[in-house]
N, C-alpha and C. Protein backbone atom coordinates (compact mmCIF):
# COMPACT_ATOMS: atom_id res chain seq x y z
N MET A 1 10.81 11.73 -13.57
CA MET A 1 9.40 11.57 -13.91
C MET A 1 9.07 12.40 -15.16
N ARG A 2 9.64 13.57 -15.25
CA ARG A 2 9.35 14.44 -16.40
C ARG A 2 9.83 13.83 -17.72
N LEU A 3 10.77 12.90 -17.66
CA LEU A 3 11.30 12.30 -18.88
C LEU A 3 10.28 11.41 -19.58
N THR A 4 9.24 10.98 -18.87
CA THR A 4 8.25 10.10 -19.48
C THR A 4 7.03 10.86 -19.99
N PHE A 5 7.05 12.20 -19.92
CA PHE A 5 5.91 13.01 -20.36
C PHE A 5 6.37 14.14 -21.25
N ASP A 6 5.54 14.46 -22.26
CA ASP A 6 5.76 15.63 -23.11
C ASP A 6 4.64 16.63 -22.82
N LYS A 7 5.00 17.89 -22.65
CA LYS A 7 4.01 18.94 -22.44
C LYS A 7 3.33 19.23 -23.78
N LEU A 8 2.01 19.32 -23.77
CA LEU A 8 1.29 19.61 -25.00
C LEU A 8 1.35 21.11 -25.28
N PRO A 9 1.77 21.48 -26.49
CA PRO A 9 1.86 22.91 -26.82
C PRO A 9 0.48 23.58 -26.78
N GLY A 10 0.44 24.76 -26.18
CA GLY A 10 -0.82 25.51 -26.11
C GLY A 10 -1.66 25.19 -24.89
N TYR A 11 -1.24 24.22 -24.08
CA TYR A 11 -1.98 23.86 -22.87
C TYR A 11 -1.04 23.94 -21.67
N SER A 12 -1.49 24.59 -20.63
CA SER A 12 -0.61 24.80 -19.48
C SER A 12 -0.51 23.57 -18.57
N ASN A 13 -1.54 22.73 -18.57
CA ASN A 13 -1.53 21.62 -17.61
C ASN A 13 -1.75 20.25 -18.25
N LEU A 14 -1.58 20.11 -19.54
CA LEU A 14 -1.77 18.81 -20.19
C LEU A 14 -0.43 18.24 -20.62
N HIS A 15 -0.26 16.94 -20.37
CA HIS A 15 0.97 16.24 -20.72
C HIS A 15 0.62 14.90 -21.37
N ARG A 16 1.43 14.50 -22.37
CA ARG A 16 1.22 13.20 -23.02
C ARG A 16 2.26 12.23 -22.50
N CYS A 17 1.79 11.06 -22.04
CA CYS A 17 2.68 10.01 -21.54
C CYS A 17 3.40 9.38 -22.73
N LYS A 18 4.74 9.32 -22.64
CA LYS A 18 5.54 8.72 -23.71
C LYS A 18 5.42 7.19 -23.72
N LEU A 19 4.96 6.61 -22.63
CA LEU A 19 4.86 5.16 -22.56
C LEU A 19 3.57 4.62 -23.16
N CYS A 20 2.44 5.32 -22.93
CA CYS A 20 1.16 4.79 -23.43
C CYS A 20 0.39 5.78 -24.30
N GLY A 21 0.83 7.05 -24.36
CA GLY A 21 0.17 8.03 -25.21
C GLY A 21 -1.01 8.74 -24.57
N LYS A 22 -1.37 8.39 -23.38
CA LYS A 22 -2.51 9.01 -22.72
C LYS A 22 -2.19 10.46 -22.35
N VAL A 23 -3.18 11.35 -22.53
CA VAL A 23 -3.04 12.75 -22.15
C VAL A 23 -3.59 12.90 -20.74
N VAL A 24 -2.76 13.45 -19.84
CA VAL A 24 -3.13 13.54 -18.43
C VAL A 24 -2.85 14.94 -17.90
N THR A 25 -3.51 15.29 -16.80
CA THR A 25 -3.25 16.56 -16.13
C THR A 25 -2.37 16.36 -14.90
N HIS A 26 -2.48 15.22 -14.25
CA HIS A 26 -1.70 14.94 -13.04
C HIS A 26 -0.65 13.88 -13.36
N ILE A 27 0.55 14.34 -13.71
CA ILE A 27 1.57 13.39 -14.16
C ILE A 27 2.03 12.47 -13.03
N ARG A 28 2.04 12.96 -11.80
CA ARG A 28 2.48 12.11 -10.69
C ARG A 28 1.52 10.93 -10.49
N ASN A 29 0.23 11.18 -10.58
CA ASN A 29 -0.74 10.10 -10.43
C ASN A 29 -0.60 9.08 -11.56
N HIS A 30 -0.45 9.56 -12.79
CA HIS A 30 -0.35 8.64 -13.92
C HIS A 30 0.98 7.89 -13.93
N TYR A 31 2.03 8.51 -13.46
CA TYR A 31 3.34 7.87 -13.38
C TYR A 31 3.26 6.56 -12.61
N HIS A 32 2.48 6.54 -11.54
CA HIS A 32 2.37 5.34 -10.71
C HIS A 32 1.57 4.21 -11.37
N VAL A 33 0.89 4.51 -12.47
CA VAL A 33 0.23 3.45 -13.25
C VAL A 33 1.30 2.53 -13.85
N HIS A 34 2.37 3.13 -14.33
CA HIS A 34 3.44 2.36 -14.96
C HIS A 34 4.52 1.90 -13.98
N PHE A 35 4.71 2.66 -12.91
CA PHE A 35 5.75 2.37 -11.92
C PHE A 35 5.10 2.35 -10.53
N PRO A 36 4.49 1.23 -10.15
CA PRO A 36 3.77 1.18 -8.88
C PRO A 36 4.69 1.36 -7.68
N GLY A 37 4.07 1.57 -6.54
CA GLY A 37 4.80 1.85 -5.32
C GLY A 37 5.74 0.75 -4.89
N ARG A 38 6.62 1.06 -3.97
CA ARG A 38 7.62 0.10 -3.53
C ARG A 38 7.35 -0.44 -2.14
N PHE A 39 6.29 0.04 -1.48
CA PHE A 39 5.93 -0.47 -0.17
C PHE A 39 4.78 -1.46 -0.35
N GLU A 40 5.08 -2.74 -0.20
CA GLU A 40 4.12 -3.80 -0.49
C GLU A 40 3.67 -4.49 0.78
N CYS A 41 2.36 -4.72 0.89
CA CYS A 41 1.82 -5.46 2.02
C CYS A 41 2.20 -6.93 1.86
N PRO A 42 2.83 -7.52 2.86
CA PRO A 42 3.25 -8.92 2.74
C PRO A 42 2.09 -9.91 2.85
N LEU A 43 0.92 -9.43 3.24
CA LEU A 43 -0.23 -10.32 3.39
C LEU A 43 -1.10 -10.38 2.14
N CYS A 44 -1.34 -9.23 1.51
CA CYS A 44 -2.26 -9.23 0.35
C CYS A 44 -1.64 -8.62 -0.90
N ARG A 45 -0.37 -8.21 -0.84
CA ARG A 45 0.40 -7.69 -1.96
C ARG A 45 -0.10 -6.33 -2.48
N ALA A 46 -0.88 -5.59 -1.70
CA ALA A 46 -1.24 -4.22 -2.06
C ALA A 46 0.03 -3.38 -2.01
N THR A 47 0.21 -2.46 -2.97
CA THR A 47 1.42 -1.65 -3.00
C THR A 47 1.07 -0.18 -2.78
N TYR A 48 1.99 0.51 -2.14
CA TYR A 48 1.82 1.93 -1.83
C TYR A 48 3.11 2.66 -2.11
N THR A 49 3.00 3.96 -2.38
CA THR A 49 4.17 4.77 -2.67
C THR A 49 4.78 5.32 -1.39
N ARG A 50 4.04 5.26 -0.28
CA ARG A 50 4.54 5.78 0.99
C ARG A 50 4.35 4.75 2.09
N SER A 51 5.31 4.72 3.01
CA SER A 51 5.25 3.73 4.09
C SER A 51 4.11 4.00 5.06
N ASP A 52 3.75 5.27 5.25
CA ASP A 52 2.65 5.57 6.16
C ASP A 52 1.31 5.07 5.60
N ASN A 53 1.17 5.08 4.28
CA ASN A 53 -0.05 4.53 3.68
C ASN A 53 -0.12 3.02 3.85
N LEU A 54 1.02 2.35 3.77
CA LEU A 54 1.04 0.91 4.03
C LEU A 54 0.67 0.62 5.48
N ARG A 55 1.20 1.42 6.39
CA ARG A 55 0.90 1.24 7.82
C ARG A 55 -0.61 1.43 8.08
N THR A 56 -1.20 2.45 7.44
CA THR A 56 -2.65 2.68 7.58
C THR A 56 -3.43 1.51 7.01
N HIS A 57 -3.02 1.02 5.85
CA HIS A 57 -3.67 -0.14 5.23
C HIS A 57 -3.66 -1.33 6.20
N CYS A 58 -2.50 -1.62 6.77
CA CYS A 58 -2.38 -2.76 7.68
C CYS A 58 -3.24 -2.57 8.92
N ARG A 59 -3.29 -1.34 9.43
CA ARG A 59 -4.08 -1.09 10.64
C ARG A 59 -5.57 -1.40 10.41
N PHE A 60 -6.08 -1.07 9.22
CA PHE A 60 -7.50 -1.28 8.95
C PHE A 60 -7.82 -2.64 8.34
N LYS A 61 -6.98 -3.14 7.45
CA LYS A 61 -7.26 -4.41 6.76
C LYS A 61 -6.72 -5.63 7.49
N HIS A 62 -5.62 -5.48 8.21
CA HIS A 62 -4.99 -6.59 8.93
C HIS A 62 -4.65 -6.12 10.35
N PRO A 63 -5.66 -5.90 11.21
CA PRO A 63 -5.42 -5.25 12.51
C PRO A 63 -4.47 -6.01 13.45
N LEU A 64 -4.29 -7.31 13.28
CA LEU A 64 -3.38 -8.05 14.15
C LEU A 64 -1.94 -8.06 13.65
N PHE A 65 -1.72 -7.50 12.45
CA PHE A 65 -0.39 -7.52 11.85
C PHE A 65 0.31 -6.18 12.07
N ASN A 66 1.55 -6.23 12.52
CA ASN A 66 2.36 -5.02 12.71
C ASN A 66 3.36 -4.94 11.56
N PRO A 67 3.20 -3.97 10.64
CA PRO A 67 4.10 -3.91 9.48
C PRO A 67 5.53 -3.51 9.85
N ASP A 68 5.71 -2.86 10.99
CA ASP A 68 7.06 -2.45 11.40
C ASP A 68 7.90 -3.65 11.83
N THR A 69 7.28 -4.58 12.57
CA THR A 69 8.01 -5.77 13.01
C THR A 69 7.77 -6.95 12.08
N ARG A 70 6.78 -6.81 11.18
CA ARG A 70 6.37 -7.87 10.25
C ARG A 70 5.94 -9.13 11.00
N LYS A 71 5.29 -8.92 12.16
CA LYS A 71 4.79 -10.03 12.97
C LYS A 71 3.36 -9.76 13.37
N PHE A 72 2.68 -10.80 13.80
CA PHE A 72 1.32 -10.67 14.31
C PHE A 72 1.35 -10.37 15.79
N ASP A 73 0.56 -9.38 16.20
CA ASP A 73 0.44 -9.03 17.61
C ASP A 73 -0.80 -9.74 18.14
N LEU A 74 -0.60 -10.84 18.85
CA LEU A 74 -1.72 -11.65 19.32
C LEU A 74 -2.30 -11.15 20.63
N GLN A 75 -1.74 -10.09 21.19
CA GLN A 75 -2.26 -9.55 22.44
C GLN A 75 -2.85 -8.16 22.21
N THR A 76 -3.59 -7.99 21.14
CA THR A 76 -4.19 -6.71 20.79
C THR A 76 -5.45 -6.47 21.63
N GLU A 77 -5.59 -5.25 22.12
CA GLU A 77 -6.77 -4.80 22.85
C GLU A 77 -7.13 -5.72 24.00
N GLY A 78 -6.16 -6.21 24.72
CA GLY A 78 -6.42 -7.03 25.90
C GLY A 78 -6.80 -8.46 25.60
N LEU A 79 -6.85 -8.82 24.34
CA LEU A 79 -7.18 -10.20 23.97
C LEU A 79 -5.90 -10.98 23.83
N ASP A 80 -5.82 -12.09 24.49
CA ASP A 80 -4.65 -12.95 24.35
C ASP A 80 -5.09 -14.22 23.65
N LEU A 81 -4.87 -14.25 22.34
CA LEU A 81 -5.33 -15.39 21.56
C LEU A 81 -4.59 -16.66 21.92
N ASN A 82 -3.36 -16.53 22.41
CA ASN A 82 -2.61 -17.71 22.82
C ASN A 82 -3.27 -18.39 24.01
N SER A 83 -3.79 -17.61 24.96
CA SER A 83 -4.42 -18.21 26.13
C SER A 83 -5.72 -18.91 25.76
N SER A 84 -6.46 -18.35 24.80
CA SER A 84 -7.71 -19.02 24.40
C SER A 84 -7.42 -20.31 23.65
N ILE A 85 -6.33 -20.34 22.90
CA ILE A 85 -5.95 -21.57 22.20
C ILE A 85 -5.50 -22.61 23.23
N THR A 86 -4.73 -22.17 24.21
CA THR A 86 -4.24 -23.08 25.24
C THR A 86 -5.41 -23.64 26.04
N SER A 87 -6.38 -22.80 26.41
CA SER A 87 -7.51 -23.28 27.20
C SER A 87 -8.38 -24.24 26.41
N ASN A 88 -8.48 -24.02 25.09
CA ASN A 88 -9.23 -24.95 24.25
C ASN A 88 -8.51 -26.29 24.15
N ASP A 89 -7.17 -26.25 24.11
CA ASP A 89 -6.42 -27.49 24.02
C ASP A 89 -6.55 -28.31 25.30
N LYS A 90 -6.63 -27.63 26.46
CA LYS A 90 -6.73 -28.34 27.73
C LYS A 90 -8.09 -28.99 27.91
N SER A 91 -9.15 -28.39 27.32
CA SER A 91 -10.47 -28.95 27.48
C SER A 91 -10.72 -30.16 26.59
N SER A 92 -9.87 -30.38 25.61
CA SER A 92 -10.06 -31.50 24.67
C SER A 92 -9.72 -32.82 25.25
């Protein structure tokens, strides 16, 4: 990561990005602008640098999706969506 930044002389916390020239104080945050995370949500393509952040994203944005198994959990919180679909099919 340090290879993409030059420290500005005379400043203890300022670095210039060699890729775009922007002067930044937090090189780790700016690094991810050019090299986004590798943990990608398969449903909406949001990317994260850590797997736990992807898991949190899925829990809040896609509550029926389990990122560990990459499947939908249709029996969440006592609701069985399969049984409601089956009962609707029988009434038709």
